[in-house]
Amino acid sequence: MLEEVERWLTRRSWSCDDRPLDRLTDARAADPHRTSVSVVLPALNEEATVGAIVTTIRRELMEKVRLVDELVVIDSGSTDATAAVARAAGARVVHRDAILPRIPALPGKGEVLWRSLLVTSGEIVCFVDADLKDFSADFVSGTVGPLLTDPAVQFVKAMYDRPLGNSAGQGGRVTELVARPLLNLHWPQLAGFVQPLGGEYAVRRSLLERLPFPVGYGVELGLLVDALHTVGLDALGQVDVGVRVHRHQDGQALGRMAAAIYRTAQLRLSRGHLVRPALTQFERSAEGFVPHTHAVDTEERPPMREIAEYAERHAA
């Protein structure tokens, strides 16, 4: 590990206990405009978990204390009761396709995160995945905490243990097999991030609006790498929030995720083009192994500040 990263780990890695809620609310009260907080949950068929997450954030961070200003669930086309459950729990629900309708929406998590900037107003934007179980408000207060108390910090990732079933620390398979090797080999300054692909992080809007967004699974790696090049390592941080439990995907879904992440890295390394941006996987049937080919996410959305509707909204 680079000496620079070792020093960073001691300066920019914290526990959520390092910043109690009363310290954060005092920081908010001192400058309420520059410290306004929006929480965004991208959601696709998450009716089983989204309600509990929304309820916890509202109760702990909007009612007991005033830390979060708005809580928005972006529904990316759910076919279950995700939108209704989230709305009943107290979130504002916006359908992906209702945001920036002149640009047809593409499937993918990054697309939803990018569009969320147009329907939120907080100077700090905190993203939280909607499939978390046993959710703690620490995922939000922990990641926004450094942004509220240190003006030099611009991007904070949550770090946590990721159990797989009954096995501690065995989750995050794409992180260990794909993302961590890529980062260590090509962006060694980012080698200190425990959960580089984690979906829980808080970022200053002034930085987010300057970054391109890969539309799919590569969004977390893309934002992290681009933030490094835009504001430097010392503006990035991470906070230990404990344990993250969520719905795990099967091996083939992880393969598609890995391909998208590799593609995102490749674009940032060379800005070149793959000859054939697709991934073929195999399933056994009665006739033998059957190939299934999937497109790899290759689209990226431009920095939001280049979108006319966004510029007009913030000029008003």
Foldseek 3Di string as FASTA:
>chain_A
DDPLLVVLCVVFEAALVVQDPVNLLVLCVVPVQLQAEEEEEEDAQLLPFQLVQLLQCCVPDVPVGPRYDAYEYEYADHPDCNQVSNVVSPHHYHYLCVFPVVDGQDDADLSRVQSVLLVDDHQKYKYDYRFWDPDHCSLPSVQSVCVSVPVLAFKEAEAEWEADVPRTNPPPPLCVPAVLVLCCVPVVSPNNDRCQQDRTMMGGPVLQLQAKAQRHSQRSVRSVVVCCVVRNSNNYHYYYHYYTYGDDDDPVVSVLSRLLNVLSSVCVVPVDDDPAQKDWDWDQDPVGTDIDIGGRRDDIGHRNCVDPSSVVVVVD
